[in-house]
Amino acid sequence: MGRIAQGTKALIEGGQDKVFHQTFQTLPGEQLRKAFACYLSTSSGPVIGTLYLSTARLAFCSDSPLCYSPHPGQQEWIYYK
């Protein structure tokens, strides 16, 4: 997902704060301080996503789901967190 699409998603869903609280189980009183567009370097290559800085944690979520194989012959799509 491109940066424009990410901004559109945040706008539609009510802002970065709302996206953060929907994506992660947050602690009572936890507040989002800042969200950054970034690439996370992994052994299989870079993953584009958003880095969230809150009053309690630093968290990352990919912009699009990634495919992985939990069992031979089985594939699942999940967001990289």
PDB file of N, CA and C in Angstrom:
ATOM      1  N   MET A   1       0.857  -1.158   0.000  1.00  0.00           N
ATOM      2  CA  MET A   1       0.000   0.000   0.000  1.00  0.00           C
ATOM      3  C   MET A   1       0.903   1.220   0.000  1.00  0.00           C
ATOM      4  N   GLY A   2       0.646   2.170  -0.852  1.00  0.00           N
ATOM      5  CA  GLY A   2       1.456   3.367  -0.915  1.00  0.00           C
ATOM      6  C   GLY A   2       1.132   4.335   0.197  1.00  0.00           C
ATOM      7  N   ARG A   3       1.939   5.356   0.306  1.00  0.00           N
ATOM      8  CA  ARG A   3       1.741   6.357   1.361  1.00  0.00           C
ATOM      9  C   ARG A   3       0.393   7.059   1.215  1.00  0.00           C
ATOM     10  N   ILE A   4      -0.037   7.337  -0.020  1.00  0.00           N
ATOM     11  CA  ILE A   4      -1.335   7.990  -0.221  1.00  0.00           C
ATOM     12  C   ILE A   4      -2.446   7.070   0.249  1.00  0.00           C
ATOM     13  N   ALA A   5      -2.347   5.791  -0.097  1.00  0.00           N
ATOM     14  CA  ALA A   5      -3.363   4.822   0.317  1.00  0.00           C
ATOM     15  C   ALA A   5      -3.390   4.684   1.837  1.00  0.00           C
ATOM     16  N   GLN A   6      -2.214   4.725   2.483  1.00  0.00           N
ATOM     17  CA  GLN A   6      -2.169   4.622   3.937  1.00  0.00           C
ATOM     18  C   GLN A   6      -2.853   5.831   4.574  1.00  0.00           C
ATOM     19  N   GLY A   7      -2.584   7.015   4.039  1.00  0.00           N
ATOM     20  CA  GLY A   7      -3.225   8.219   4.549  1.00  0.00           C
ATOM     21  C   GLY A   7      -4.724   8.179   4.360  1.00  0.00           C
ATOM     22  N   THR A   8      -5.160   7.648   3.221  1.00  0.00           N
ATOM     23  CA  THR A   8      -6.587   7.513   2.949  1.00  0.00           C
ATOM     24  C   THR A   8      -7.219   6.549   3.945  1.00  0.00           C
ATOM     25  N   LYS A   9      -6.554   5.429   4.220  1.00  0.00           N
ATOM     26  CA  LYS A   9      -7.060   4.449   5.188  1.00  0.00           C
ATOM     27  C   LYS A   9      -7.222   5.097   6.557  1.00  0.00           C
ATOM     28  N   ALA A  10      -6.219   5.839   6.998  1.00  0.00           N
ATOM     29  CA  ALA A  10      -6.278   6.499   8.302  1.00  0.00           C
ATOM     30  C   ALA A  10      -7.414   7.514   8.338  1.00  0.00           C
ATOM     31  N   LEU A  11      -7.603   8.244   7.253  1.00  0.00           N
ATOM     32  CA  LEU A  11      -8.666   9.241   7.186  1.00  0.00           C
ATOM     33  C   LEU A  11     -10.034   8.572   7.259  1.00  0.00           C
ATOM     34  N   ILE A  12     -10.223   7.505   6.495  1.00  0.00           N
ATOM     35  CA  ILE A  12     -11.503   6.793   6.463  1.00  0.00           C
ATOM     36  C   ILE A  12     -11.821   6.165   7.824  1.00  0.00           C
ATOM     37  N   GLU A  13     -10.812   5.603   8.476  1.00  0.00           N
ATOM     38  CA  GLU A  13     -11.035   4.900   9.740  1.00  0.00           C
ATOM     39  C   GLU A  13     -11.019   5.824  10.957  1.00  0.00           C
ATOM     40  N   GLY A  14     -10.823   7.116  10.754  1.00  0.00           N
ATOM     41  CA  GLY A  14     -10.906   8.052  11.863  1.00  0.00           C
ATOM     42  C   GLY A  14      -9.583   8.541  12.408  1.00  0.00           C
ATOM     43  N   GLY A  15      -8.505   8.374  11.668  1.00  0.00           N
ATOM     44  CA  GLY A  15      -7.202   8.877  12.088  1.00  0.00           C
ATOM     45  C   GLY A  15      -6.258   7.776  12.538  1.00  0.00           C
ATOM     46  N   GLN A  16      -4.969   8.123  12.625  1.00  0.00           N
ATOM     47  CA  GLN A  16      -3.934   7.163  13.005  1.00  0.00           C
ATOM     48  C   GLN A  16      -4.178   6.597  14.404  1.00  0.00           C
ATOM     49  N   ASP A  17      -4.696   7.422  15.306  1.00  0.00           N
ATOM     50  CA  ASP A  17      -4.950   6.966  16.673  1.00  0.00           C
ATOM     51  C   ASP A  17      -5.964   5.826  16.684  1.00  0.00           C
ATOM     52  N   LYS A  18      -7.014   5.975  15.923  1.00  0.00           N
ATOM     53  CA  LYS A  18      -8.044   4.934  15.856  1.00  0.00           C
ATOM     54  C   LYS A  18      -7.498   3.662  15.201  1.00  0.00           C
ATOM     55  N   VAL A  19      -6.709   3.811  14.137  1.00  0.00           N
ATOM     56  CA  VAL A  19      -6.092   2.653  13.478  1.00  0.00           C
ATOM     57  C   VAL A  19      -5.190   1.925  14.476  1.00  0.00           C
ATOM     58  N   PHE A  20      -4.396   2.662  15.246  1.00  0.00           N
ATOM     59  CA  PHE A  20      -3.506   2.070  16.249  1.00  0.00           C
ATOM     60  C   PHE A  20      -4.292   1.261  17.277  1.00  0.00           C
ATOM     61  N   HIS A  21      -5.354   1.834  17.817  1.00  0.00           N
ATOM     62  CA  HIS A  21      -6.141   1.151  18.848  1.00  0.00           C
ATOM     63  C   HIS A  21      -6.896  -0.057  18.292  1.00  0.00           C
ATOM     64  N   GLN A  22      -7.268  -0.025  17.006  1.00  0.00           N
ATOM     65  CA  GLN A  22      -7.939  -1.173  16.391  1.00  0.00           C
ATOM     66  C   GLN A  22      -6.947  -2.289  16.060  1.00  0.00           C
ATOM     67  N   THR A  23      -5.721  -1.928  15.750  1.00  0.00           N
ATOM     68  CA  THR A  23      -4.713  -2.901  15.325  1.00  0.00           C
ATOM     69  C   THR A  23      -4.073  -3.628  16.500  1.00  0.00           C
ATOM     70  N   PHE A  24      -3.856  -2.931  17.607  1.00  0.00           N
ATOM     71  CA  PHE A  24      -3.154  -3.496  18.760  1.00  0.00           C
ATOM     72  C   PHE A  24      -4.041  -3.474  19.997  1.00  0.00           C
ATOM     73  N   GLN A  25      -3.831  -4.449  20.879  1.00  0.00           N
ATOM     74  CA  GLN A  25      -4.512  -4.432  22.172  1.00  0.00           C
ATOM     75  C   GLN A  25      -3.786  -3.399  23.025  1.00  0.00           C
ATOM     76  N   THR A  26      -4.449  -2.307  23.304  1.00  0.00           N
ATOM     77  CA  THR A  26      -3.792  -1.223  24.028  1.00  0.00           C
ATOM     78  C   THR A  26      -4.108  -1.291  25.516  1.00  0.00           C
ATOM     79  N   LEU A  27      -3.235  -0.700  26.289  1.00  0.00           N
ATOM     80  CA  LEU A  27      -3.406  -0.639  27.732  1.00  0.00           C
ATOM     81  C   LEU A  27      -4.345   0.510  28.087  1.00  0.00           C
ATOM     82  N   PRO A  28      -5.015   0.434  29.236  1.00  0.00           N
ATOM     83  CA  PRO A  28      -5.864   1.553  29.649  1.00  0.00           C
ATOM     84  C   PRO A  28      -5.037   2.837  29.747  1.00  0.00           C
ATOM     85  N   GLY A  29      -5.519   3.882  29.135  1.00  0.00           N
ATOM     86  CA  GLY A  29      -4.837   5.173  29.171  1.00  0.00           C
ATOM     87  C   GLY A  29      -3.708   5.332  28.171  1.00  0.00           C
ATOM     88  N   GLU A  30      -3.398   4.287  27.417  1.00  0.00           N
ATOM     89  CA  GLU A  30      -2.315   4.371  26.428  1.00  0.00           C
ATOM     90  C   GLU A  30      -2.713   5.315  25.295  1.00  0.00           C
ATOM     91  N   GLN A  31      -1.831   6.222  24.955  1.00  0.00           N
ATOM     92  CA  GLN A  31      -2.097   7.212  23.913  1.00  0.00           C
ATOM     93  C   GLN A  31      -1.039   7.136  22.819  1.00  0.00           C
ATOM     94  N   LEU A  32      -1.480   7.259  21.584  1.00  0.00           N
ATOM     95  CA  LEU A  32      -0.551   7.309  20.456  1.00  0.00           C
ATOM     96  C   LEU A  32       0.100   8.684  20.426  1.00  0.00           C
ATOM     97  N   ARG A  33       1.424   8.707  20.360  1.00  0.00           N
ATOM     98  CA  ARG A  33       2.162   9.971  20.288  1.00  0.00           C
ATOM     99  C   ARG A  33       2.474  10.355  18.843  1.00  0.00           C
ATOM    100  N   LYS A  34       2.902   9.375  18.035  1.00  0.00           N
ATOM    101  CA  LYS A  34       3.314   9.670  16.666  1.00  0.00           C
ATOM    102  C   LYS A  34       3.269   8.390  15.848  1.00  0.00           C
ATOM    103  N   ALA A  35       3.004   8.533  14.549  1.00  0.00           N
ATOM    104  CA  ALA A  35       3.034   7.405  13.615  1.00  0.00           C
ATOM    105  C   ALA A  35       3.962   7.777  12.468  1.00  0.00           C
ATOM    106  N   PHE A  36       4.823   6.837  12.078  1.00  0.00           N
ATOM    107  CA  PHE A  36       5.810   7.075  11.032  1.00  0.00           C
ATOM    108  C   PHE A  36       5.686   6.026   9.937  1.00  0.00           C
ATOM    109  N   ALA A  37       5.736   6.449   8.684  1.00  0.00           N
ATOM    110  CA  ALA A  37       5.828   5.510   7.563  1.00  0.00           C
ATOM    111  C   ALA A  37       7.262   5.000   7.531  1.00  0.00           C
ATOM    112  N   CYS A  38       7.432   3.686   7.384  1.00  0.00           N
ATOM    113  CA  CYS A  38       8.790   3.143   7.380  1.00  0.00           C
ATOM    114  C   CYS A  38       8.841   1.776   6.716  1.00  0.00           C
ATOM    115  N   TYR A  39      10.065   1.301   6.513  1.00  0.00           N
ATOM    116  CA  TYR A  39      10.330  -0.059   6.058  1.00  0.00           C
ATOM    117  C   TYR A  39      11.009  -0.787   7.203  1.00  0.00           C
ATOM    118  N   LEU A  40      10.556  -1.997   7.491  1.00  0.00           N
ATOM    119  CA  LEU A  40      11.198  -2.844   8.486  1.00  0.00           C
ATOM    120  C   LEU A  40      12.052  -3.856   7.740  1.00  0.00           C
ATOM    121  N   SER A  41      13.318  -3.931   8.082  1.00  0.00           N
ATOM    122  CA  SER A  41      14.225  -4.858   7.415  1.00  0.00           C
ATOM    123  C   SER A  41      14.077  -6.251   8.025  1.00  0.00           C
ATOM    124  N   THR A  42      13.775  -7.246   7.178  1.00  0.00           N
ATOM    125  CA  THR A  42      13.644  -8.629   7.630  1.00  0.00           C
ATOM    126  C   THR A  42      14.582  -9.511   6.814  1.00  0.00           C
ATOM    127  N   SER A  43      14.739 -10.753   7.228  1.00  0.00           N
ATOM    128  CA  SER A  43      15.612 -11.677   6.502  1.00  0.00           C
ATOM    129  C   SER A  43      15.086 -11.985   5.104  1.00  0.00           C
ATOM    130  N   SER A  44      13.788 -11.799   4.885  1.00  0.00           N
ATOM    131  CA  SER A  44      13.215 -12.046   3.556  1.00  0.00           C
ATOM    132  C   SER A  44      13.039 -10.764   2.747  1.00  0.00           C
ATOM    133  N   GLY A  45      13.527  -9.645   3.271  1.00  0.00           N
ATOM    134  CA  GLY A  45      13.448  -8.379   2.548  1.00  0.00           C
ATOM    135  C   GLY A  45      12.684  -7.327   3.328  1.00  0.00           C
ATOM    136  N   PRO A  46      12.648  -6.092   2.810  1.00  0.00           N
ATOM    137  CA  PRO A  46      11.973  -5.004   3.517  1.00  0.00           C
ATOM    138  C   PRO A  46      10.452  -5.158   3.498  1.00  0.00           C
ATOM    139  N   VAL A  47       9.818  -4.728   4.596  1.00  0.00           N
ATOM    140  CA  VAL A  47       8.363  -4.750   4.722  1.00  0.00           C
ATOM    141  C   VAL A  47       7.916  -3.319   4.981  1.00  0.00           C
ATOM    142  N   ILE A  48       7.061  -2.783   4.102  1.00  0.00           N
ATOM    143  CA  ILE A  48       6.569  -1.419   4.276  1.00  0.00           C
ATOM    144  C   ILE A  48       5.412  -1.422   5.270  1.00  0.00           C
ATOM    145  N   GLY A  49       5.405  -0.411   6.132  1.00  0.00           N
ATOM    146  CA  GLY A  49       4.342  -0.337   7.120  1.00  0.00           C
ATOM    147  C   GLY A  49       4.398   0.952   7.907  1.00  0.00           C
ATOM    148  N   THR A  50       3.796   0.913   9.081  1.00  0.00           N
ATOM    149  CA  THR A  50       3.730   2.077   9.953  1.00  0.00           C
ATOM    150  C   THR A  50       4.334   1.727  11.303  1.00  0.00           C
ATOM    151  N   LEU A  51       5.186   2.609  11.791  1.00  0.00           N
ATOM    152  CA  LEU A  51       5.788   2.476  13.110  1.00  0.00           C
ATOM    153  C   LEU A  51       5.015   3.405  14.039  1.00  0.00           C
ATOM    154  N   TYR A  52       4.460   2.848  15.104  1.00  0.00           N
ATOM    155  CA  TYR A  52       3.658   3.614  16.055  1.00  0.00           C
ATOM    156  C   TYR A  52       4.443   3.809  17.345  1.00  0.00           C
ATOM    157  N   LEU A  53       4.463   5.039  17.834  1.00  0.00           N
ATOM    158  CA  LEU A  53       5.088   5.369  19.110  1.00  0.00           C
ATOM    159  C   LEU A  53       3.972   5.815  20.051  1.00  0.00           C
ATOM    160  N   SER A  54       3.781   5.067  21.129  1.00  0.00           N
ATOM    161  CA  SER A  54       2.733   5.414  22.090  1.00  0.00           C
ATOM    162  C   SER A  54       3.367   5.702  23.442  1.00  0.00           C
ATOM    163  N   THR A  55       2.533   5.993  24.411  1.00  0.00           N
ATOM    164  CA  THR A  55       3.028   6.249  25.760  1.00  0.00           C
ATOM    165  C   THR A  55       3.531   4.980  26.434  1.00  0.00           C
ATOM    166  N   ALA A  56       3.231   3.793  25.855  1.00  0.00           N
ATOM    167  CA  ALA A  56       3.626   2.530  26.480  1.00  0.00           C
ATOM    168  C   ALA A  56       4.491   1.631  25.603  1.00  0.00           C
ATOM    169  N   ARG A  57       4.548   1.868  24.289  1.00  0.00           N
ATOM    170  CA  ARG A  57       5.267   0.926  23.420  1.00  0.00           C
ATOM    171  C   ARG A  57       5.680   1.547  22.095  1.00  0.00           C
ATOM    172  N   LEU A  58       6.516   0.787  21.414  1.00  0.00           N
ATOM    173  CA  LEU A  58       6.897   1.051  20.033  1.00  0.00           C
ATOM    174  C   LEU A  58       6.384  -0.157  19.255  1.00  0.00           C
ATOM    175  N   ALA A  59       5.524   0.060  18.252  1.00  0.00           N
ATOM    176  CA  ALA A  59       4.897  -1.061  17.543  1.00  0.00           C
ATOM    177  C   ALA A  59       4.939  -0.830  16.041  1.00  0.00           C
ATOM    178  N   PHE A  60       4.948  -1.926  15.288  1.00  0.00           N
ATOM    179  CA  PHE A  60       4.975  -1.878  13.826  1.00  0.00           C
ATOM    180  C   PHE A  60       3.856  -2.751  13.287  1.00  0.00           C
ATOM    181  N   CYS A  61       3.235  -2.307  12.190  1.00  0.00           N
ATOM    182  CA  CYS A  61       2.271  -3.130  11.470  1.00  0.00           C
ATOM    183  C   CYS A  61       2.459  -2.886   9.978  1.00  0.00           C
ATOM    184  N   SER A  62       2.553  -3.982   9.219  1.00  0.00           N
ATOM    185  CA  SER A  62       2.728  -3.855   7.770  1.00  0.00           C
ATOM    186  C   SER A  62       1.481  -3.249   7.138  1.00  0.00           C
ATOM    187  N   ASP A  63       1.664  -2.596   5.998  1.00  0.00           N
ATOM    188  CA  ASP A  63       0.542  -1.977   5.296  1.00  0.00           C
ATOM    189  C   ASP A  63      -0.348  -3.004   4.610  1.00  0.00           C
ATOM    190  N   SER A  64       0.218  -4.126   4.232  1.00  0.00           N
ATOM    191  CA  SER A  64      -0.571  -5.168   3.569  1.00  0.00           C
ATOM    192  C   SER A  64      -0.205  -6.526   4.167  1.00  0.00           C
ATOM    193  N   PRO A  65      -1.116  -7.489   4.085  1.00  0.00           N
ATOM    194  CA  PRO A  65      -0.824  -8.803   4.660  1.00  0.00           C
ATOM    195  C   PRO A  65       0.256  -9.540   3.880  1.00  0.00           C
ATOM    196  N   LEU A  66       0.995 -10.385   4.588  1.00  0.00           N
ATOM    197  CA  LEU A  66       2.057 -11.192   3.997  1.00  0.00           C
ATOM    198  C   LEU A  66       1.652 -12.658   4.072  1.00  0.00           C
ATOM    199  N   CYS A  67       2.045 -13.421   3.075  1.00  0.00           N
ATOM    200  CA  CYS A  67       1.719 -14.842   3.015  1.00  0.00           C
ATOM    201  C   CYS A  67       2.786 -15.654   3.749  1.00  0.00           C
ATOM    202  N   TYR A  68       2.344 -16.609   4.547  1.00  0.00           N
ATOM    203  CA  TYR A  68       3.283 -17.537   5.179  1.00  0.00           C
ATOM    204  C   TYR A  68       2.652 -18.921   5.249  1.00  0.00           C
ATOM    205  N   SER A  69       3.471 -19.926   5.488  1.00  0.00           N
ATOM    206  CA  SER A  69       3.014 -21.318   5.526  1.00  0.00           C
ATOM    207  C   SER A  69       3.167 -21.883   6.935  1.00  0.00           C
ATOM    208  N   PRO A  70       2.085 -21.914   7.730  1.00  0.00           N
ATOM    209  CA  PRO A  70       2.181 -22.471   9.083  1.00  0.00           C
ATOM    210  C   PRO A  70       2.392 -23.985   9.070  1.00  0.00           C
ATOM    211  N   HIS A  71       1.882 -24.652   8.033  1.00  0.00           N
ATOM    212  CA  HIS A  71       2.029 -26.101   7.863  1.00  0.00           C
ATOM    213  C   HIS A  71       2.285 -26.371   6.389  1.00  0.00           C
ATOM    214  N   PRO A  72       2.976 -27.450   6.061  1.00  0.00           N
ATOM    215  CA  PRO A  72       3.221 -27.771   4.645  1.00  0.00           C
ATOM    216  C   PRO A  72       1.911 -27.839   3.847  1.00  0.00           C
ATOM    217  N   GLY A  73       1.883 -27.150   2.723  1.00  0.00           N
ATOM    218  CA  GLY A  73       0.708 -27.134   1.863  1.00  0.00           C
ATOM    219  C   GLY A  73      -0.386 -26.181   2.302  1.00  0.00           C
ATOM    220  N   GLN A  74      -0.166 -25.445   3.383  1.00  0.00           N
ATOM    221  CA  GLN A  74      -1.169 -24.506   3.887  1.00  0.00           C
ATOM    222  C   GLN A  74      -0.588 -23.097   3.850  1.00  0.00           C
ATOM    223  N   GLN A  75      -1.378 -22.134   3.375  1.00  0.00           N
ATOM    224  CA  GLN A  75      -0.934 -20.741   3.330  1.00  0.00           C
ATOM    225  C   GLN A  75      -1.931 -19.863   4.072  1.00  0.00           C
ATOM    226  N   GLU A  76      -1.414 -18.872   4.766  1.00  0.00           N
ATOM    227  CA  GLU A  76      -2.245 -17.890   5.454  1.00  0.00           C
ATOM    228  C   GLU A  76      -1.700 -16.502   5.160  1.00  0.00           C
ATOM    229  N   TRP A  77      -2.586 -15.525   5.173  1.00  0.00           N
ATOM    230  CA  TRP A  77      -2.213 -14.129   4.970  1.00  0.00           C
ATOM    231  C   TRP A  77      -2.435 -13.390   6.281  1.00  0.00           C
ATOM    232  N   ILE A  78      -1.367 -12.775   6.805  1.00  0.00           N
ATOM    233  CA  ILE A  78      -1.462 -12.024   8.052  1.00  0.00           C
ATOM    234  C   ILE A  78      -0.666 -10.726   7.928  1.00  0.00           C
ATOM    235  N   TYR A  79      -1.023  -9.761   8.767  1.00  0.00           N
ATOM    236  CA  TYR A  79      -0.250  -8.526   8.841  1.00  0.00           C
ATOM    237  C   TYR A  79       0.972  -8.771   9.716  1.00  0.00           C
ATOM    238  N   TYR A  80       2.110  -8.244   9.306  1.00  0.00           N
ATOM    239  CA  TYR A  80       3.354  -8.386  10.054  1.00  0.00           C
ATOM    240  C   TYR A  80       3.326  -7.388  11.196  1.00  0.00           C
ATOM    241  N   LYS A  81       3.326  -7.882  12.435  1.00  0.00           N
ATOM    242  CA  LYS A  81       3.297  -7.003  13.608  1.00  0.00           C
ATOM    243  C   LYS A  81       4.487  -7.291  14.475  1.00  0.00           C
TER     244      LYS A  81
END
